[in-house]
Amino acid sequence: MNSTGYLQRREQIETYFDRTAAQAWERLTSNAPVGRIRATVRAGRDQMRATLLSLLPQDMRGMRLLDAGCGTGALAMEAAGRGAEVLAIDLSPTLVKLAAERYAALGRGGAGYIDFRSGDMLAEELGHFDHVVAMDSLIHYDVPHMVEAMQRLAGRTSQSILFTFAPRTPALAVMHGLGRLFPRSDRSPSLTPVSEPVLRRGLEQGLGPLGWREGSTQRIKSGFYTSQAWQWHA
């Protein structure tokens, strides 16, 4: 994927997470006290992460997982704890460094491990995987770019892709508008709410010919956090 729109969007996301709000995300993804609004976002993200993990095997020994948009690494650490070989990648070197430091501090042994990298989650040189998880890392893109990203990932994945999207709902539109009132340092790049039926048609057309089919889906709502998990499998 090398369209101008995608590259510009990717640059905006990298700038936000690596320079504008790295400290805010470090705090949000820790156990430090946060304000009421951020507390709802933290709770929603925790619930979403648990939902995605529930769709992965409990025993992942011998499996390779791509954590696409790993942030501070919480999901990658859980998967490694199940024995997975995890490649955790994010556009933000700052967040990847923090994730690696947190993982090292755990001092975990076991069969799994994590290879932390900063860069593009769609890079072909990352290799092939059994499973891919993209938690809240495609929510800034429109449907055509999401479908193209899924196609590229599907070509290198043997079992399942789990991703999230921002569902287009009246409530989310209101919260999105209110979010523009926040200080710039608290704002993420604008979400791109998408219609579930439109996204489904795009994925059926893009992934269906490759032998992929829709699996389970679940919407998580917690205050200012609204995101929907979707499983697609080979």
C-alpha atoms as a PDB file:
ATOM      1  CA  MET A   1       0.000   0.000   0.000  1.00  0.00           C
ATOM      2  CA  ASN A   2       1.737   3.187  -1.107  1.00  0.00           C
ATOM      3  CA  SER A   3      -1.046   5.632  -1.905  1.00  0.00           C
ATOM      4  CA  THR A   4      -0.506   9.258  -0.954  1.00  0.00           C
ATOM      5  CA  GLY A   5      -3.549   9.251   1.349  1.00  0.00           C
ATOM      6  CA  TYR A   6      -2.326   6.260   3.322  1.00  0.00           C
ATOM      7  CA  LEU A   7       1.217   7.609   3.688  1.00  0.00           C
ATOM      8  CA  GLN A   8      -0.015  11.012   4.848  1.00  0.00           C
ATOM      9  CA  ARG A   9      -2.316   9.391   7.394  1.00  0.00           C
ATOM     10  CA  ARG A  10       0.455   7.116   8.630  1.00  0.00           C
ATOM     11  CA  GLU A  11       2.723  10.129   9.134  1.00  0.00           C
ATOM     12  CA  GLN A  12       0.043  11.928  11.173  1.00  0.00           C
ATOM     13  CA  ILE A  13      -0.417   8.881  13.395  1.00  0.00           C
ATOM     14  CA  GLU A  14       3.318   8.450  13.907  1.00  0.00           C
ATOM     15  CA  THR A  15       3.709  12.120  14.845  1.00  0.00           C
ATOM     16  CA  TYR A  16       0.883  11.946  17.373  1.00  0.00           C
ATOM     17  CA  PHE A  17       1.926   8.772  19.165  1.00  0.00           C
ATOM     18  CA  ASP A  18       5.672   9.365  19.054  1.00  0.00           C
ATOM     19  CA  ARG A  19       5.874  13.096  19.773  1.00  0.00           C
ATOM     20  CA  THR A  20       2.611  14.732  20.787  1.00  0.00           C
ATOM     21  CA  ALA A  21       1.105  12.312  23.291  1.00  0.00           C
ATOM     22  CA  ALA A  22       3.677   9.662  24.210  1.00  0.00           C
ATOM     23  CA  GLN A  23       3.606  10.654  27.889  1.00  0.00           C
ATOM     24  CA  ALA A  24      -0.192  10.642  27.970  1.00  0.00           C
ATOM     25  CA  TRP A  25      -0.281   7.129  26.494  1.00  0.00           C
ATOM     26  CA  GLU A  26       2.409   5.942  28.887  1.00  0.00           C
ATOM     27  CA  ARG A  27       0.184   7.028  31.773  1.00  0.00           C
ATOM     28  CA  LEU A  28      -3.036   5.720  30.204  1.00  0.00           C
ATOM     29  CA  THR A  29      -1.547   2.255  29.746  1.00  0.00           C
ATOM     30  CA  SER A  30      -0.133   2.092  33.278  1.00  0.00           C
ATOM     31  CA  ASN A  31      -1.784   1.773  36.678  1.00  0.00           C
ATOM     32  CA  ALA A  32      -1.308   5.482  37.436  1.00  0.00           C
ATOM     33  CA  PRO A  33      -4.426   7.480  38.374  1.00  0.00           C
ATOM     34  CA  VAL A  34      -6.140   9.224  35.459  1.00  0.00           C
ATOM     35  CA  GLY A  35      -9.140  11.492  35.035  1.00  0.00           C
ATOM     36  CA  ARG A  36     -12.697  10.244  34.618  1.00  0.00           C
ATOM     37  CA  ILE A  37     -12.735  10.370  30.812  1.00  0.00           C
ATOM     38  CA  ARG A  38      -9.398   8.663  30.422  1.00  0.00           C
ATOM     39  CA  ALA A  39     -10.480   6.060  32.976  1.00  0.00           C
ATOM     40  CA  THR A  40     -13.354   5.039  30.682  1.00  0.00           C
ATOM     41  CA  VAL A  41     -10.936   4.792  27.749  1.00  0.00           C
ATOM     42  CA  ARG A  42      -8.552   2.668  29.819  1.00  0.00           C
ATOM     43  CA  ALA A  43     -11.388   0.364  30.862  1.00  0.00           C
ATOM     44  CA  GLY A  44     -12.603   0.055  27.272  1.00  0.00           C
ATOM     45  CA  ARG A  45      -9.149  -0.773  25.973  1.00  0.00           C
ATOM     46  CA  ASP A  46      -8.660  -3.361  28.711  1.00  0.00           C
ATOM     47  CA  GLN A  47     -11.971  -4.994  27.770  1.00  0.00           C
ATOM     48  CA  MET A  48     -11.110  -4.924  24.072  1.00  0.00           C
ATOM     49  CA  ARG A  49      -7.719  -6.494  24.671  1.00  0.00           C
ATOM     50  CA  ALA A  50      -9.346  -9.269  26.705  1.00  0.00           C
ATOM     51  CA  THR A  51     -11.883  -9.813  23.924  1.00  0.00           C
ATOM     52  CA  LEU A  52      -9.201 -10.186  21.266  1.00  0.00           C
ATOM     53  CA  LEU A  53      -7.132 -12.494  23.452  1.00  0.00           C
ATOM     54  CA  SER A  54     -10.195 -14.693  23.995  1.00  0.00           C
ATOM     55  CA  LEU A  55     -10.235 -15.335  20.234  1.00  0.00           C
ATOM     56  CA  LEU A  56      -6.664 -16.631  20.231  1.00  0.00           C
ATOM     57  CA  PRO A  57      -5.611 -20.143  21.324  1.00  0.00           C
ATOM     58  CA  GLN A  58      -4.762 -20.544  24.991  1.00  0.00           C
ATOM     59  CA  ASP A  59      -1.715 -22.601  24.043  1.00  0.00           C
ATOM     60  CA  MET A  60       0.276 -20.705  21.411  1.00  0.00           C
ATOM     61  CA  ARG A  61       3.541 -22.594  21.614  1.00  0.00           C
ATOM     62  CA  GLY A  62       5.087 -22.865  18.159  1.00  0.00           C
ATOM     63  CA  MET A  63       2.833 -20.120  16.764  1.00  0.00           C
ATOM     64  CA  ARG A  64       3.987 -16.787  15.362  1.00  0.00           C
ATOM     65  CA  LEU A  65       1.840 -13.712  16.124  1.00  0.00           C
ATOM     66  CA  LEU A  66       2.021 -10.214  14.659  1.00  0.00           C
ATOM     67  CA  ASP A  67       0.886  -7.534  17.100  1.00  0.00           C
ATOM     68  CA  ALA A  68       0.277  -4.808  14.521  1.00  0.00           C
ATOM     69  CA  GLY A  69       0.300  -1.460  16.296  1.00  0.00           C
ATOM     70  CA  CYS A  70       1.508  -2.883  19.601  1.00  0.00           C
ATOM     71  CA  GLY A  71       1.610   0.398  21.542  1.00  0.00           C
ATOM     72  CA  THR A  72       3.052  -0.280  24.992  1.00  0.00           C
ATOM     73  CA  GLY A  73       2.904  -4.038  24.496  1.00  0.00           C
ATOM     74  CA  ALA A  74       0.202  -5.325  26.848  1.00  0.00           C
ATOM     75  CA  LEU A  75      -1.379  -7.717  24.321  1.00  0.00           C
ATOM     76  CA  ALA A  76       2.006  -8.912  23.066  1.00  0.00           C
ATOM     77  CA  MET A  77       3.027  -9.793  26.618  1.00  0.00           C
ATOM     78  CA  GLU A  78      -0.133 -11.816  27.182  1.00  0.00           C
ATOM     79  CA  ALA A  79       0.409 -13.736  23.942  1.00  0.00           C
ATOM     80  CA  ALA A  80       4.049 -14.405  24.814  1.00  0.00           C
ATOM     81  CA  GLY A  81       2.848 -15.727  28.152  1.00  0.00           C
ATOM     82  CA  ARG A  82       0.871 -18.333  26.194  1.00  0.00           C
ATOM     83  CA  GLY A  83       4.049 -19.389  24.408  1.00  0.00           C
ATOM     84  CA  ALA A  84       3.734 -17.389  21.180  1.00  0.00           C
ATOM     85  CA  GLU A  85       6.653 -15.996  19.210  1.00  0.00           C
ATOM     86  CA  VAL A  86       5.448 -12.395  18.947  1.00  0.00           C
ATOM     87  CA  LEU A  87       6.618  -9.721  16.554  1.00  0.00           C
ATOM     88  CA  ALA A  88       5.314  -6.511  18.130  1.00  0.00           C
ATOM     89  CA  ILE A  89       5.553  -3.470  15.857  1.00  0.00           C
ATOM     90  CA  ASP A  90       4.417   0.130  16.120  1.00  0.00           C
ATOM     91  CA  LEU A  91       5.029   3.368  14.229  1.00  0.00           C
ATOM     92  CA  SER A  92       6.209   5.038  17.447  1.00  0.00           C
ATOM     93  CA  PRO A  93       9.793   4.232  18.519  1.00  0.00           C
ATOM     94  CA  THR A  94       9.018   5.919  21.854  1.00  0.00           C
ATOM     95  CA  LEU A  95       6.153   3.557  22.661  1.00  0.00           C
ATOM     96  CA  VAL A  96       8.086   0.516  21.405  1.00  0.00           C
ATOM     97  CA  LYS A  97      10.995   1.411  23.714  1.00  0.00           C
ATOM     98  CA  LEU A  98       8.582   1.721  26.625  1.00  0.00           C
ATOM     99  CA  ALA A  99       6.992  -1.632  25.750  1.00  0.00           C
ATOM    100  CA  ALA A 100      10.379  -3.359  25.654  1.00  0.00           C
ATOM    101  CA  GLU A 101      11.314  -1.848  29.020  1.00  0.00           C
ATOM    102  CA  ARG A 102       8.059  -3.024  30.595  1.00  0.00           C
ATOM    103  CA  TYR A 103       8.534  -6.520  29.198  1.00  0.00           C
ATOM    104  CA  ALA A 104      12.101  -6.718  30.480  1.00  0.00           C
ATOM    105  CA  ALA A 105      10.930  -5.576  33.914  1.00  0.00           C
ATOM    106  CA  LEU A 106       8.538  -8.530  34.108  1.00  0.00           C
ATOM    107  CA  GLY A 107      11.441 -10.960  33.892  1.00  0.00           C
ATOM    108  CA  ARG A 108       9.192 -13.634  32.446  1.00  0.00           C
ATOM    109  CA  GLY A 109      10.541 -16.947  31.307  1.00  0.00           C
ATOM    110  CA  GLY A 110       8.541 -19.569  29.437  1.00  0.00           C
ATOM    111  CA  ALA A 111       8.319 -20.692  25.841  1.00  0.00           C
ATOM    112  CA  GLY A 112       7.282 -17.392  24.265  1.00  0.00           C
ATOM    113  CA  TYR A 113       9.211 -14.252  23.477  1.00  0.00           C
ATOM    114  CA  ILE A 114       8.687 -10.834  21.899  1.00  0.00           C
ATOM    115  CA  ASP A 115      10.645  -9.144  19.128  1.00  0.00           C
ATOM    116  CA  PHE A 116       9.861  -5.420  19.473  1.00  0.00           C
ATOM    117  CA  ARG A 117      10.302  -3.234  16.392  1.00  0.00           C
ATOM    118  CA  SER A 118       9.283   0.215  15.193  1.00  0.00           C
ATOM    119  CA  GLY A 119       8.038   0.561  11.636  1.00  0.00           C
ATOM    120  CA  ASP A 120       5.168  -0.195   9.263  1.00  0.00           C
ATOM    121  CA  MET A 121       2.960  -3.104  10.315  1.00  0.00           C
ATOM    122  CA  LEU A 122       2.361  -3.955   6.638  1.00  0.00           C
ATOM    123  CA  ALA A 123       6.034  -4.361   5.696  1.00  0.00           C
ATOM    124  CA  GLU A 124       6.464  -7.646   3.825  1.00  0.00           C
ATOM    125  CA  GLU A 125       9.893  -8.272   5.324  1.00  0.00           C
ATOM    126  CA  LEU A 126       8.203  -9.006   8.648  1.00  0.00           C
ATOM    127  CA  GLY A 127       7.454 -12.446   7.252  1.00  0.00           C
ATOM    128  CA  HIS A 128       4.581 -14.880   7.777  1.00  0.00           C
ATOM    129  CA  PHE A 129       2.365 -15.451  10.793  1.00  0.00           C
ATOM    130  CA  ASP A 130      -0.192 -17.856  12.213  1.00  0.00           C
ATOM    131  CA  HIS A 131      -2.264 -15.028  13.701  1.00  0.00           C
ATOM    132  CA  VAL A 132      -2.368 -11.234  13.392  1.00  0.00           C
ATOM    133  CA  VAL A 133      -3.923  -8.818  15.885  1.00  0.00           C
ATOM    134  CA  ALA A 134      -4.470  -5.150  14.976  1.00  0.00           C
ATOM    135  CA  MET A 135      -6.082  -3.538  18.014  1.00  0.00           C
ATOM    136  CA  ASP A 136      -7.188   0.027  17.273  1.00  0.00           C
ATOM    137  CA  SER A 137      -4.453   0.437  14.655  1.00  0.00           C
ATOM    138  CA  LEU A 138      -6.718   0.543  11.567  1.00  0.00           C
ATOM    139  CA  ILE A 139      -9.362   2.847  13.054  1.00  0.00           C
ATOM    140  CA  HIS A 140      -7.809   5.957  11.490  1.00  0.00           C
ATOM    141  CA  TYR A 141      -8.173   4.684   7.908  1.00  0.00           C
ATOM    142  CA  ASP A 142     -11.107   4.606   5.502  1.00  0.00           C
ATOM    143  CA  VAL A 143     -12.675   1.405   4.174  1.00  0.00           C
ATOM    144  CA  PRO A 144     -10.586   1.034   0.986  1.00  0.00           C
ATOM    145  CA  HIS A 145      -7.343   1.395   2.929  1.00  0.00           C
ATOM    146  CA  MET A 146      -8.570  -0.981   5.648  1.00  0.00           C
ATOM    147  CA  VAL A 147      -9.496  -3.603   3.070  1.00  0.00           C
ATOM    148  CA  GLU A 148      -6.171  -3.244   1.293  1.00  0.00           C
ATOM    149  CA  ALA A 149      -4.309  -3.588   4.588  1.00  0.00           C
ATOM    150  CA  MET A 150      -6.281  -6.730   5.419  1.00  0.00           C
ATOM    151  CA  GLN A 151      -5.518  -8.203   2.004  1.00  0.00           C
ATOM    152  CA  ARG A 152      -1.823  -7.649   2.484  1.00  0.00           C
ATOM    153  CA  LEU A 153      -1.885  -9.183   5.933  1.00  0.00           C
ATOM    154  CA  ALA A 154      -4.017 -12.137   4.794  1.00  0.00           C
ATOM    155  CA  GLY A 155      -1.441 -13.023   2.160  1.00  0.00           C
ATOM    156  CA  ARG A 156       1.068 -13.721   4.939  1.00  0.00           C
ATOM    157  CA  THR A 157      -1.219 -15.198   7.611  1.00  0.00           C
ATOM    158  CA  SER A 158      -2.274 -18.837   7.889  1.00  0.00           C
ATOM    159  CA  GLN A 159      -5.054 -18.860  10.514  1.00  0.00           C
ATOM    160  CA  SER A 160      -6.729 -15.641  11.640  1.00  0.00           C
ATOM    161  CA  ILE A 161      -6.660 -11.855  11.650  1.00  0.00           C
ATOM    162  CA  LEU A 162      -8.287 -10.004  14.540  1.00  0.00           C
ATOM    163  CA  PHE A 163      -8.773  -6.269  14.106  1.00  0.00           C
ATOM    164  CA  THR A 164     -10.912  -3.440  15.384  1.00  0.00           C
ATOM    165  CA  PHE A 165     -12.794  -0.631  13.672  1.00  0.00           C
ATOM    166  CA  ALA A 166     -14.743   2.418  14.793  1.00  0.00           C
ATOM    167  CA  PRO A 167     -18.424   1.680  14.005  1.00  0.00           C
ATOM    168  CA  ARG A 168     -20.415   4.547  12.553  1.00  0.00           C
ATOM    169  CA  THR A 169     -23.079   5.328  15.175  1.00  0.00           C
ATOM    170  CA  PRO A 170     -24.834   8.560  16.252  1.00  0.00           C
ATOM    171  CA  ALA A 171     -23.281   8.283  19.721  1.00  0.00           C
ATOM    172  CA  LEU A 172     -19.775   7.929  18.330  1.00  0.00           C
ATOM    173  CA  ALA A 173     -20.324  10.945  16.077  1.00  0.00           C
ATOM    174  CA  VAL A 174     -21.251  13.052  19.127  1.00  0.00           C
ATOM    175  CA  MET A 175     -18.222  11.857  21.108  1.00  0.00           C
ATOM    176  CA  HIS A 176     -15.994  12.448  18.111  1.00  0.00           C
ATOM    177  CA  GLY A 177     -17.226  16.032  17.932  1.00  0.00           C
ATOM    178  CA  LEU A 178     -16.708  16.573  21.661  1.00  0.00           C
ATOM    179  CA  GLY A 179     -13.210  15.190  21.352  1.00  0.00           C
ATOM    180  CA  ARG A 180     -12.268  18.152  19.178  1.00  0.00           C
ATOM    181  CA  LEU A 181     -12.802  20.356  22.245  1.00  0.00           C
ATOM    182  CA  PHE A 182      -9.984  18.617  24.139  1.00  0.00           C
ATOM    183  CA  PRO A 183      -6.496  20.157  24.350  1.00  0.00           C
ATOM    184  CA  ARG A 184      -4.512  19.204  21.254  1.00  0.00           C
ATOM    185  CA  SER A 185      -2.121  17.072  23.326  1.00  0.00           C
ATOM    186  CA  ASP A 186      -5.061  14.887  24.407  1.00  0.00           C
ATOM    187  CA  ARG A 187      -6.411  14.333  20.908  1.00  0.00           C
ATOM    188  CA  SER A 188      -5.543  11.412  18.739  1.00  0.00           C
ATOM    189  CA  PRO A 189      -5.682  11.729  14.952  1.00  0.00           C
ATOM    190  CA  SER A 190      -9.338  11.726  13.980  1.00  0.00           C
ATOM    191  CA  LEU A 191     -11.020   8.353  13.953  1.00  0.00           C
ATOM    192  CA  THR A 192     -12.658   7.289  10.736  1.00  0.00           C
ATOM    193  CA  PRO A 193     -16.026   5.772  11.716  1.00  0.00           C
ATOM    194  CA  VAL A 194     -17.135   3.258   9.105  1.00  0.00           C
ATOM    195  CA  SER A 195     -20.373   1.499   8.276  1.00  0.00           C
ATOM    196  CA  GLU A 196     -20.250  -2.169   9.281  1.00  0.00           C
ATOM    197  CA  PRO A 197     -22.222  -3.358   6.197  1.00  0.00           C
ATOM    198  CA  VAL A 198     -19.963  -1.346   3.865  1.00  0.00           C
ATOM    199  CA  LEU A 199     -16.844  -2.709   5.535  1.00  0.00           C
ATOM    200  CA  ARG A 200     -18.241  -6.243   5.385  1.00  0.00           C
ATOM    201  CA  ARG A 201     -18.873  -5.958   1.639  1.00  0.00           C
ATOM    202  CA  GLY A 202     -15.367  -4.651   1.111  1.00  0.00           C
ATOM    203  CA  LEU A 203     -13.812  -7.473   3.114  1.00  0.00           C
ATOM    204  CA  GLU A 204     -15.954 -10.125   1.438  1.00  0.00           C
ATOM    205  CA  GLN A 205     -14.825  -8.861  -1.953  1.00  0.00           C
ATOM    206  CA  GLY A 206     -11.212  -8.421  -0.899  1.00  0.00           C
ATOM    207  CA  LEU A 207     -10.679 -11.485   1.293  1.00  0.00           C
ATOM    208  CA  GLY A 208     -13.330 -13.905   0.006  1.00  0.00           C
ATOM    209  CA  PRO A 209     -11.392 -14.817  -3.157  1.00  0.00           C
ATOM    210  CA  LEU A 210      -8.393 -15.577  -0.926  1.00  0.00           C
ATOM    211  CA  GLY A 211     -10.422 -18.147   1.014  1.00  0.00           C
ATOM    212  CA  TRP A 212     -11.027 -15.992   4.101  1.00  0.00           C
ATOM    213  CA  ARG A 213     -14.337 -15.884   5.970  1.00  0.00           C
ATOM    214  CA  GLU A 214     -15.916 -13.735   8.658  1.00  0.00           C
ATOM    215  CA  GLY A 215     -15.815 -14.949  12.246  1.00  0.00           C
ATOM    216  CA  SER A 216     -17.139 -13.489  15.468  1.00  0.00           C
ATOM    217  CA  THR A 217     -17.527  -9.777  16.184  1.00  0.00           C
ATOM    218  CA  GLN A 218     -18.106  -7.807  19.381  1.00  0.00           C
ATOM    219  CA  ARG A 219     -18.585  -4.113  20.096  1.00  0.00           C
ATOM    220  CA  ILE A 220     -17.033  -2.559  23.209  1.00  0.00           C
ATOM    221  CA  LYS A 221     -18.456   0.680  24.634  1.00  0.00           C
ATOM    222  CA  SER A 222     -16.967   2.386  27.666  1.00  0.00           C
ATOM    223  CA  GLY A 223     -17.536   6.107  28.019  1.00  0.00           C
ATOM    224  CA  PHE A 224     -15.472   7.813  25.311  1.00  0.00           C
ATOM    225  CA  TYR A 225     -14.179   4.492  23.997  1.00  0.00           C
ATOM    226  CA  THR A 226     -16.190   2.708  21.295  1.00  0.00           C
ATOM    227  CA  SER A 227     -14.569   0.083  19.109  1.00  0.00           C
ATOM    228  CA  GLN A 228     -15.632  -3.175  17.486  1.00  0.00           C
ATOM    229  CA  ALA A 229     -13.579  -6.352  17.319  1.00  0.00           C
ATOM    230  CA  TRP A 230     -13.834  -8.529  14.218  1.00  0.00           C
ATOM    231  CA  GLN A 231     -12.350 -11.931  13.524  1.00  0.00           C
ATOM    232  CA  TRP A 232     -11.568 -13.171  10.029  1.00  0.00           C
ATOM    233  CA  HIS A 233     -10.102 -16.601   9.459  1.00  0.00           C
ATOM    234  CA  ALA A 234      -8.587 -18.624   6.646  1.00  0.00           C
END
